[in-house]
Amino acid sequence: MNEYQQKLVELLLEKNSSLSVHQAQTWVELLWDDFETTRAKAGREYKGSEMTERIVRQLIENHGARLHEFFATNPKYKHLFENGQGH
């Protein structure tokens, strides 16, 4: 995990006390990878980690407090967070 992602994990844990460290790490990795993959599939130029960090930070600021509600009801991601584990 890079320095940008570690700072985002810390931010997410501040925003959402319902998440374990492993869950927060998993969320940051999912959001990070999803943004970069979506951007690449759209044929957009890679803008670097700084751009990805800004987008993921914005998502965490806006939705971080409720992420545990999302994975509890979404079967696509639920298995990633069972038993308080991430990864």
PDB file of N, CA and C in Angstrom:
ATOM      1  N   MET A   1       0.859  -1.172   0.000  1.00  0.00           N
ATOM      2  CA  MET A   1       0.000   0.000   0.000  1.00  0.00           C
ATOM      3  C   MET A   1       0.902   1.231   0.000  1.00  0.00           C
ATOM      4  N   ASN A   2       0.595   2.175  -0.890  1.00  0.00           N
ATOM      5  CA  ASN A   2       1.439   3.355  -0.965  1.00  0.00           C
ATOM      6  C   ASN A   2       1.052   4.390   0.091  1.00  0.00           C
ATOM      7  N   GLU A   3       1.856   5.442   0.172  1.00  0.00           N
ATOM      8  CA  GLU A   3       1.640   6.475   1.189  1.00  0.00           C
ATOM      9  C   GLU A   3       0.281   7.167   1.023  1.00  0.00           C
ATOM     10  N   TYR A   4      -0.119   7.422  -0.221  1.00  0.00           N
ATOM     11  CA  TYR A   4      -1.430   8.038  -0.461  1.00  0.00           C
ATOM     12  C   TYR A   4      -2.540   7.161   0.100  1.00  0.00           C
ATOM     13  N   GLN A   5      -2.464   5.874  -0.189  1.00  0.00           N
ATOM     14  CA  GLN A   5      -3.506   4.959   0.260  1.00  0.00           C
ATOM     15  C   GLN A   5      -3.525   4.853   1.778  1.00  0.00           C
ATOM     16  N   GLN A   6      -2.366   4.849   2.417  1.00  0.00           N
ATOM     17  CA  GLN A   6      -2.312   4.755   3.877  1.00  0.00           C
ATOM     18  C   GLN A   6      -3.005   5.954   4.519  1.00  0.00           C
ATOM     19  N   LYS A   7      -2.788   7.141   3.964  1.00  0.00           N
ATOM     20  CA  LYS A   7      -3.449   8.336   4.493  1.00  0.00           C
ATOM     21  C   LYS A   7      -4.966   8.249   4.298  1.00  0.00           C
ATOM     22  N   LEU A   8      -5.381   7.678   3.191  1.00  0.00           N
ATOM     23  CA  LEU A   8      -6.815   7.509   2.940  1.00  0.00           C
ATOM     24  C   LEU A   8      -7.433   6.497   3.902  1.00  0.00           C
ATOM     25  N   VAL A   9      -6.696   5.453   4.232  1.00  0.00           N
ATOM     26  CA  VAL A   9      -7.176   4.479   5.224  1.00  0.00           C
ATOM     27  C   VAL A   9      -7.389   5.182   6.560  1.00  0.00           C
ATOM     28  N   GLU A  10      -6.438   5.999   6.958  1.00  0.00           N
ATOM     29  CA  GLU A  10      -6.567   6.726   8.219  1.00  0.00           C
ATOM     30  C   GLU A  10      -7.769   7.660   8.198  1.00  0.00           C
ATOM     31  N   LEU A  11      -7.979   8.345   7.081  1.00  0.00           N
ATOM     32  CA  LEU A  11      -9.138   9.224   6.950  1.00  0.00           C
ATOM     33  C   LEU A  11     -10.441   8.433   7.047  1.00  0.00           C
ATOM     34  N   LEU A  12     -10.501   7.303   6.353  1.00  0.00           N
ATOM     35  CA  LEU A  12     -11.704   6.479   6.382  1.00  0.00           C
ATOM     36  C   LEU A  12     -12.003   5.986   7.790  1.00  0.00           C
ATOM     37  N   LEU A  13     -10.976   5.598   8.519  1.00  0.00           N
ATOM     38  CA  LEU A  13     -11.187   5.151   9.901  1.00  0.00           C
ATOM     39  C   LEU A  13     -11.688   6.288  10.788  1.00  0.00           C
ATOM     40  N   GLU A  14     -11.254   7.511  10.511  1.00  0.00           N
ATOM     41  CA  GLU A  14     -11.765   8.667  11.248  1.00  0.00           C
ATOM     42  C   GLU A  14     -13.244   8.891  10.941  1.00  0.00           C
ATOM     43  N   LYS A  15     -13.625   8.687   9.694  1.00  0.00           N
ATOM     44  CA  LYS A  15     -14.996   8.923   9.255  1.00  0.00           C
ATOM     45  C   LYS A  15     -15.940   7.801   9.664  1.00  0.00           C
ATOM     46  N   ASN A  16     -15.413   6.578   9.816  1.00  0.00           N
ATOM     47  CA  ASN A  16     -16.283   5.432  10.037  1.00  0.00           C
ATOM     48  C   ASN A  16     -15.674   4.480  11.066  1.00  0.00           C
ATOM     49  N   SER A  17     -16.155   4.576  12.281  1.00  0.00           N
ATOM     50  CA  SER A  17     -15.647   3.728  13.355  1.00  0.00           C
ATOM     51  C   SER A  17     -16.199   2.305  13.295  1.00  0.00           C
ATOM     52  N   SER A  18     -17.127   2.049  12.378  1.00  0.00           N
ATOM     53  CA  SER A  18     -17.684   0.700  12.221  1.00  0.00           C
ATOM     54  C   SER A  18     -16.757  -0.222  11.442  1.00  0.00           C
ATOM     55  N   LEU A  19     -15.751   0.336  10.798  1.00  0.00           N
ATOM     56  CA  LEU A  19     -14.832  -0.459   9.977  1.00  0.00           C
ATOM     57  C   LEU A  19     -13.595  -0.845  10.762  1.00  0.00           C
ATOM     58  N   SER A  20     -13.107  -2.055  10.501  1.00  0.00           N
ATOM     59  CA  SER A  20     -11.818  -2.460  11.054  1.00  0.00           C
ATOM     60  C   SER A  20     -10.726  -1.881  10.150  1.00  0.00           C
ATOM     61  N   VAL A  21      -9.498  -1.951  10.591  1.00  0.00           N
ATOM     62  CA  VAL A  21      -8.371  -1.491   9.774  1.00  0.00           C
ATOM     63  C   VAL A  21      -8.332  -2.274   8.466  1.00  0.00           C
ATOM     64  N   HIS A  22      -8.523  -3.582   8.544  1.00  0.00           N
ATOM     65  CA  HIS A  22      -8.499  -4.413   7.330  1.00  0.00           C
ATOM     66  C   HIS A  22      -9.617  -4.030   6.365  1.00  0.00           C
ATOM     67  N   GLN A  23     -10.785  -3.748   6.896  1.00  0.00           N
ATOM     68  CA  GLN A  23     -11.902  -3.346   6.045  1.00  0.00           C
ATOM     69  C   GLN A  23     -11.622  -1.996   5.385  1.00  0.00           C
ATOM     70  N   ALA A  24     -11.091  -1.068   6.150  1.00  0.00           N
ATOM     71  CA  ALA A  24     -10.761   0.246   5.595  1.00  0.00           C
ATOM     72  C   ALA A  24      -9.706   0.116   4.499  1.00  0.00           C
ATOM     73  N   GLN A  25      -8.706  -0.718   4.712  1.00  0.00           N
ATOM     74  CA  GLN A  25      -7.685  -0.945   3.691  1.00  0.00           C
ATOM     75  C   GLN A  25      -8.310  -1.526   2.426  1.00  0.00           C
ATOM     76  N   THR A  26      -9.204  -2.479   2.607  1.00  0.00           N
ATOM     77  CA  THR A  26      -9.864  -3.099   1.464  1.00  0.00           C
ATOM     78  C   THR A  26     -10.691  -2.076   0.707  1.00  0.00           C
ATOM     79  N   TRP A  27     -11.437  -1.237   1.429  1.00  0.00           N
ATOM     80  CA  TRP A  27     -12.241  -0.212   0.771  1.00  0.00           C
ATOM     81  C   TRP A  27     -11.377   0.750  -0.021  1.00  0.00           C
ATOM     82  N   VAL A  28     -10.301   1.205   0.568  1.00  0.00           N
ATOM     83  CA  VAL A  28      -9.422   2.143  -0.137  1.00  0.00           C
ATOM     84  C   VAL A  28      -8.849   1.490  -1.393  1.00  0.00           C
ATOM     85  N   GLU A  29      -8.419   0.251  -1.277  1.00  0.00           N
ATOM     86  CA  GLU A  29      -7.880  -0.451  -2.443  1.00  0.00           C
ATOM     87  C   GLU A  29      -8.937  -0.631  -3.526  1.00  0.00           C
ATOM     88  N   LEU A  30     -10.169  -0.985  -3.133  1.00  0.00           N
ATOM     89  CA  LEU A  30     -11.255  -1.139  -4.107  1.00  0.00           C
ATOM     90  C   LEU A  30     -11.580   0.180  -4.806  1.00  0.00           C
ATOM     91  N   LEU A  31     -11.728   1.242  -4.032  1.00  0.00           N
ATOM     92  CA  LEU A  31     -12.047   2.535  -4.622  1.00  0.00           C
ATOM     93  C   LEU A  31     -10.926   3.021  -5.532  1.00  0.00           C
ATOM     94  N   TRP A  32      -9.686   2.828  -5.111  1.00  0.00           N
ATOM     95  CA  TRP A  32      -8.508   3.234  -5.878  1.00  0.00           C
ATOM     96  C   TRP A  32      -8.471   2.482  -7.207  1.00  0.00           C
ATOM     97  N   ASP A  33      -8.551   1.171  -7.122  1.00  0.00           N
ATOM     98  CA  ASP A  33      -8.487   0.343  -8.334  1.00  0.00           C
ATOM     99  C   ASP A  33      -9.666   0.608  -9.259  1.00  0.00           C
ATOM    100  N   ASP A  34     -10.847   0.793  -8.689  1.00  0.00           N
ATOM    101  CA  ASP A  34     -12.034   1.047  -9.500  1.00  0.00           C
ATOM    102  C   ASP A  34     -11.888   2.346 -10.286  1.00  0.00           C
ATOM    103  N   PHE A  35     -11.412   3.394  -9.634  1.00  0.00           N
ATOM    104  CA  PHE A  35     -11.241   4.668 -10.327  1.00  0.00           C
ATOM    105  C   PHE A  35     -10.222   4.535 -11.454  1.00  0.00           C
ATOM    106  N   GLU A  36      -9.080   3.935 -11.168  1.00  0.00           N
ATOM    107  CA  GLU A  36      -8.043   3.819 -12.193  1.00  0.00           C
ATOM    108  C   GLU A  36      -8.483   2.911 -13.338  1.00  0.00           C
ATOM    109  N   THR A  37      -9.179   1.829 -13.029  1.00  0.00           N
ATOM    110  CA  THR A  37      -9.651   0.903 -14.065  1.00  0.00           C
ATOM    111  C   THR A  37     -10.713   1.572 -14.937  1.00  0.00           C
ATOM    112  N   THR A  38     -11.655   2.256 -14.319  1.00  0.00           N
ATOM    113  CA  THR A  38     -12.709   2.935 -15.071  1.00  0.00           C
ATOM    114  C   THR A  38     -12.118   4.000 -15.986  1.00  0.00           C
ATOM    115  N   ARG A  39     -11.155   4.739 -15.485  1.00  0.00           N
ATOM    116  CA  ARG A  39     -10.502   5.785 -16.275  1.00  0.00           C
ATOM    117  C   ARG A  39      -9.771   5.177 -17.469  1.00  0.00           C
ATOM    118  N   ALA A  40      -9.089   4.064 -17.236  1.00  0.00           N
ATOM    119  CA  ALA A  40      -8.358   3.401 -18.319  1.00  0.00           C
ATOM    120  C   ALA A  40      -9.319   2.838 -19.368  1.00  0.00           C
ATOM    121  N   LYS A  41     -10.400   2.215 -18.929  1.00  0.00           N
ATOM    122  CA  LYS A  41     -11.380   1.657 -19.866  1.00  0.00           C
ATOM    123  C   LYS A  41     -12.017   2.745 -20.723  1.00  0.00           C
ATOM    124  N   ALA A  42     -12.117   3.940 -20.174  1.00  0.00           N
ATOM    125  CA  ALA A  42     -12.699   5.058 -20.915  1.00  0.00           C
ATOM    126  C   ALA A  42     -11.688   5.677 -21.877  1.00  0.00           C
ATOM    127  N   GLY A  43     -10.462   5.165 -21.856  1.00  0.00           N
ATOM    128  CA  GLY A  43      -9.428   5.670 -22.748  1.00  0.00           C
ATOM    129  C   GLY A  43      -8.823   6.982 -22.298  1.00  0.00           C
ATOM    130  N   ARG A  44      -8.973   7.288 -21.039  1.00  0.00           N
ATOM    131  CA  ARG A  44      -8.436   8.543 -20.507  1.00  0.00           C
ATOM    132  C   ARG A  44      -6.961   8.388 -20.152  1.00  0.00           C
ATOM    133  N   GLU A  45      -6.254   9.461 -20.268  1.00  0.00           N
ATOM    134  CA  GLU A  45      -4.831   9.498 -19.931  1.00  0.00           C
ATOM    135  C   GLU A  45      -4.653   9.328 -18.420  1.00  0.00           C
ATOM    136  N   TYR A  46      -3.623   8.588 -18.039  1.00  0.00           N
ATOM    137  CA  TYR A  46      -3.324   8.403 -16.620  1.00  0.00           C
ATOM    138  C   TYR A  46      -2.794   9.711 -16.058  1.00  0.00           C
ATOM    139  N   LYS A  47      -3.384  10.191 -14.996  1.00  0.00           N
ATOM    140  CA  LYS A  47      -3.010  11.470 -14.395  1.00  0.00           C
ATOM    141  C   LYS A  47      -2.201  11.321 -13.119  1.00  0.00           C
ATOM    142  N   GLY A  48      -1.848  10.102 -12.756  1.00  0.00           N
ATOM    143  CA  GLY A  48      -0.995   9.888 -11.599  1.00  0.00           C
ATOM    144  C   GLY A  48      -1.743   9.631 -10.303  1.00  0.00           C
ATOM    145  N   SER A  49      -0.963   9.255  -9.310  1.00  0.00           N
ATOM    146  CA  SER A  49      -1.520   8.918  -8.003  1.00  0.00           C
ATOM    147  C   SER A  49      -2.175  10.105  -7.323  1.00  0.00           C
ATOM    148  N   GLU A  50      -1.676  11.310  -7.598  1.00  0.00           N
ATOM    149  CA  GLU A  50      -2.258  12.496  -6.971  1.00  0.00           C
ATOM    150  C   GLU A  50      -3.725  12.666  -7.369  1.00  0.00           C
ATOM    151  N   MET A  51      -4.017  12.446  -8.646  1.00  0.00           N
ATOM    152  CA  MET A  51      -5.398  12.563  -9.133  1.00  0.00           C
ATOM    153  C   MET A  51      -6.278  11.490  -8.503  1.00  0.00           C
ATOM    154  N   THR A  52      -5.787  10.263  -8.481  1.00  0.00           N
ATOM    155  CA  THR A  52      -6.558   9.171  -7.887  1.00  0.00           C
ATOM    156  C   THR A  52      -6.801   9.443  -6.412  1.00  0.00           C
ATOM    157  N   GLU A  53      -5.788   9.929  -5.719  1.00  0.00           N
ATOM    158  CA  GLU A  53      -5.922  10.237  -4.294  1.00  0.00           C
ATOM    159  C   GLU A  53      -7.000  11.288  -4.067  1.00  0.00           C
ATOM    160  N   ARG A  54      -7.049  12.308  -4.902  1.00  0.00           N
ATOM    161  CA  ARG A  54      -8.069  13.362  -4.749  1.00  0.00           C
ATOM    162  C   ARG A  54      -9.477  12.803  -4.915  1.00  0.00           C
ATOM    163  N   ILE A  55      -9.657  11.940  -5.914  1.00  0.00           N
ATOM    164  CA  ILE A  55     -10.990  11.378  -6.165  1.00  0.00           C
ATOM    165  C   ILE A  55     -11.418  10.457  -5.029  1.00  0.00           C
ATOM    166  N   VAL A  56     -10.521   9.572  -4.590  1.00  0.00           N
ATOM    167  CA  VAL A  56     -10.854   8.644  -3.510  1.00  0.00           C
ATOM    168  C   VAL A  56     -11.083   9.414  -2.209  1.00  0.00           C
ATOM    169  N   ARG A  57     -10.288  10.446  -1.957  1.00  0.00           N
ATOM    170  CA  ARG A  57     -10.487  11.281  -0.763  1.00  0.00           C
ATOM    171  C   ARG A  57     -11.885  11.903  -0.788  1.00  0.00           C
ATOM    172  N   GLN A  58     -12.303  12.390  -1.946  1.00  0.00           N
ATOM    173  CA  GLN A  58     -13.633  12.987  -2.072  1.00  0.00           C
ATOM    174  C   GLN A  58     -14.727  11.956  -1.794  1.00  0.00           C
ATOM    175  N   LEU A  59     -14.554  10.749  -2.317  1.00  0.00           N
ATOM    176  CA  LEU A  59     -15.532   9.690  -2.049  1.00  0.00           C
ATOM    177  C   LEU A  59     -15.605   9.368  -0.569  1.00  0.00           C
ATOM    178  N   ILE A  60     -14.464   9.299   0.083  1.00  0.00           N
ATOM    179  CA  ILE A  60     -14.430   9.006   1.518  1.00  0.00           C
ATOM    180  C   ILE A  60     -15.069  10.147   2.311  1.00  0.00           C
ATOM    181  N   GLU A  61     -14.743  11.386   1.941  1.00  0.00           N
ATOM    182  CA  GLU A  61     -15.338  12.538   2.643  1.00  0.00           C
ATOM    183  C   GLU A  61     -16.860  12.511   2.527  1.00  0.00           C
ATOM    184  N   ASN A  62     -17.365  12.159   1.332  1.00  0.00           N
ATOM    185  CA  ASN A  62     -18.810  12.194   1.093  1.00  0.00           C
ATOM    186  C   ASN A  62     -19.555  10.954   1.567  1.00  0.00           C
ATOM    187  N   HIS A  63     -18.915   9.789   1.507  1.00  0.00           N
ATOM    188  CA  HIS A  63     -19.637   8.537   1.760  1.00  0.00           C
ATOM    189  C   HIS A  63     -18.987   7.614   2.795  1.00  0.00           C
ATOM    190  N   GLY A  64     -17.849   7.987   3.307  1.00  0.00           N
ATOM    191  CA  GLY A  64     -17.092   7.112   4.206  1.00  0.00           C
ATOM    192  C   GLY A  64     -17.844   6.664   5.445  1.00  0.00           C
ATOM    193  N   ALA A  65     -18.656   7.537   5.974  1.00  0.00           N
ATOM    194  CA  ALA A  65     -19.381   7.207   7.207  1.00  0.00           C
ATOM    195  C   ALA A  65     -20.419   6.112   7.002  1.00  0.00           C
ATOM    196  N   ARG A  66     -20.802   5.854   5.729  1.00  0.00           N
ATOM    197  CA  ARG A  66     -21.851   4.871   5.453  1.00  0.00           C
ATOM    198  C   ARG A  66     -21.363   3.665   4.652  1.00  0.00           C
ATOM    199  N   LEU A  67     -20.078   3.525   4.436  1.00  0.00           N
ATOM    200  CA  LEU A  67     -19.596   2.410   3.617  1.00  0.00           C
ATOM    201  C   LEU A  67     -19.955   1.052   4.199  1.00  0.00           C
ATOM    202  N   HIS A  68     -19.959   0.928   5.519  1.00  0.00           N
ATOM    203  CA  HIS A  68     -20.297  -0.355   6.131  1.00  0.00           C
ATOM    204  C   HIS A  68     -21.726  -0.773   5.784  1.00  0.00           C
ATOM    205  N   GLU A  69     -22.624   0.183   5.573  1.00  0.00           N
ATOM    206  CA  GLU A  69     -23.997  -0.131   5.167  1.00  0.00           C
ATOM    207  C   GLU A  69     -24.024  -0.683   3.745  1.00  0.00           C
ATOM    208  N   PHE A  70     -23.189  -0.158   2.889  1.00  0.00           N
ATOM    209  CA  PHE A  70     -23.141  -0.599   1.500  1.00  0.00           C
ATOM    210  C   PHE A  70     -22.665  -2.046   1.404  1.00  0.00           C
ATOM    211  N   PHE A  71     -21.561  -2.371   2.045  1.00  0.00           N
ATOM    212  CA  PHE A  71     -21.057  -3.741   1.882  1.00  0.00           C
ATOM    213  C   PHE A  71     -21.910  -4.754   2.615  1.00  0.00           C
ATOM    214  N   ALA A  72     -22.666  -4.324   3.613  1.00  0.00           N
ATOM    215  CA  ALA A  72     -23.531  -5.263   4.327  1.00  0.00           C
ATOM    216  C   ALA A  72     -24.697  -5.724   3.462  1.00  0.00           C
ATOM    217  N   THR A  73     -25.059  -4.928   2.466  1.00  0.00           N
ATOM    218  CA  THR A  73     -26.217  -5.259   1.642  1.00  0.00           C
ATOM    219  C   THR A  73     -25.870  -5.586   0.194  1.00  0.00           C
ATOM    220  N   ASN A  74     -24.611  -5.495  -0.185  1.00  0.00           N
ATOM    221  CA  ASN A  74     -24.223  -5.727  -1.570  1.00  0.00           C
ATOM    222  C   ASN A  74     -23.476  -7.055  -1.686  1.00  0.00           C
ATOM    223  N   PRO A  75     -24.108  -8.069  -2.277  1.00  0.00           N
ATOM    224  CA  PRO A  75     -23.483  -9.393  -2.346  1.00  0.00           C
ATOM    225  C   PRO A  75     -22.186  -9.417  -3.163  1.00  0.00           C
ATOM    226  N   LYS A  76     -22.018  -8.477  -4.065  1.00  0.00           N
ATOM    227  CA  LYS A  76     -20.788  -8.432  -4.871  1.00  0.00           C
ATOM    228  C   LYS A  76     -19.561  -8.194  -3.997  1.00  0.00           C
ATOM    229  N   TYR A  77     -19.723  -7.423  -2.921  1.00  0.00           N
ATOM    230  CA  TYR A  77     -18.593  -7.066  -2.070  1.00  0.00           C
ATOM    231  C   TYR A  77     -18.654  -7.677  -0.679  1.00  0.00           C
ATOM    232  N   LYS A  78     -19.803  -8.187  -0.282  1.00  0.00           N
ATOM    233  CA  LYS A  78     -20.003  -8.663   1.085  1.00  0.00           C
ATOM    234  C   LYS A  78     -18.948  -9.681   1.510  1.00  0.00           C
ATOM    235  N   HIS A  79     -18.610 -10.603   0.620  1.00  0.00           N
ATOM    236  CA  HIS A  79     -17.643 -11.652   0.978  1.00  0.00           C
ATOM    237  C   HIS A  79     -16.261 -11.089   1.317  1.00  0.00           C
ATOM    238  N   LEU A  80     -15.947  -9.906   0.836  1.00  0.00           N
ATOM    239  CA  LEU A  80     -14.648  -9.306   1.114  1.00  0.00           C
ATOM    240  C   LEU A  80     -14.531  -8.800   2.550  1.00  0.00           C
ATOM    241  N   PHE A  81     -15.673  -8.669   3.209  1.00  0.00           N
ATOM    242  CA  PHE A  81     -15.683  -8.033   4.521  1.00  0.00           C
ATOM    243  C   PHE A  81     -16.268  -8.909   5.624  1.00  0.00           C
ATOM    244  N   GLU A  82     -16.520 -10.160   5.342  1.00  0.00           N
ATOM    245  CA  GLU A  82     -17.098 -11.028   6.351  1.00  0.00           C
ATOM    246  C   GLU A  82     -16.113 -11.252   7.492  1.00  0.00           C
ATOM    247  N   ASN A  83     -16.658 -11.350   8.683  1.00  0.00           N
ATOM    248  CA  ASN A  83     -15.894 -11.620   9.897  1.00  0.00           C
ATOM    249  C   ASN A  83     -14.848 -10.543  10.202  1.00  0.00           C
ATOM    250  N   GLY A  84     -15.093  -9.312   9.734  1.00  0.00           N
ATOM    251  CA  GLY A  84     -14.188  -8.212  10.059  1.00  0.00           C
ATOM    252  C   GLY A  84     -12.873  -8.282   9.326  1.00  0.00           C
ATOM    253  N   GLN A  85     -12.755  -9.189   8.381  1.00  0.00           N
ATOM    254  CA  GLN A  85     -11.516  -9.319   7.633  1.00  0.00           C
ATOM    255  C   GLN A  85     -11.602  -8.473   6.372  1.00  0.00           C
ATOM    256  N   GLY A  86     -10.511  -8.088   5.871  1.00  0.00           N
ATOM    257  CA  GLY A  86     -10.426  -7.484   4.544  1.00  0.00           C
ATOM    258  C   GLY A  86      -9.546  -8.373   3.721  1.00  0.00           C
ATOM    259  N   HIS A  87      -9.426  -8.117   2.487  1.00  0.00           N
ATOM    260  CA  HIS A  87      -8.549  -8.871   1.577  1.00  0.00           C
ATOM    261  C   HIS A  87      -9.013 -10.289   1.477  1.00  0.00           C
TER     262      HIS A  87
END
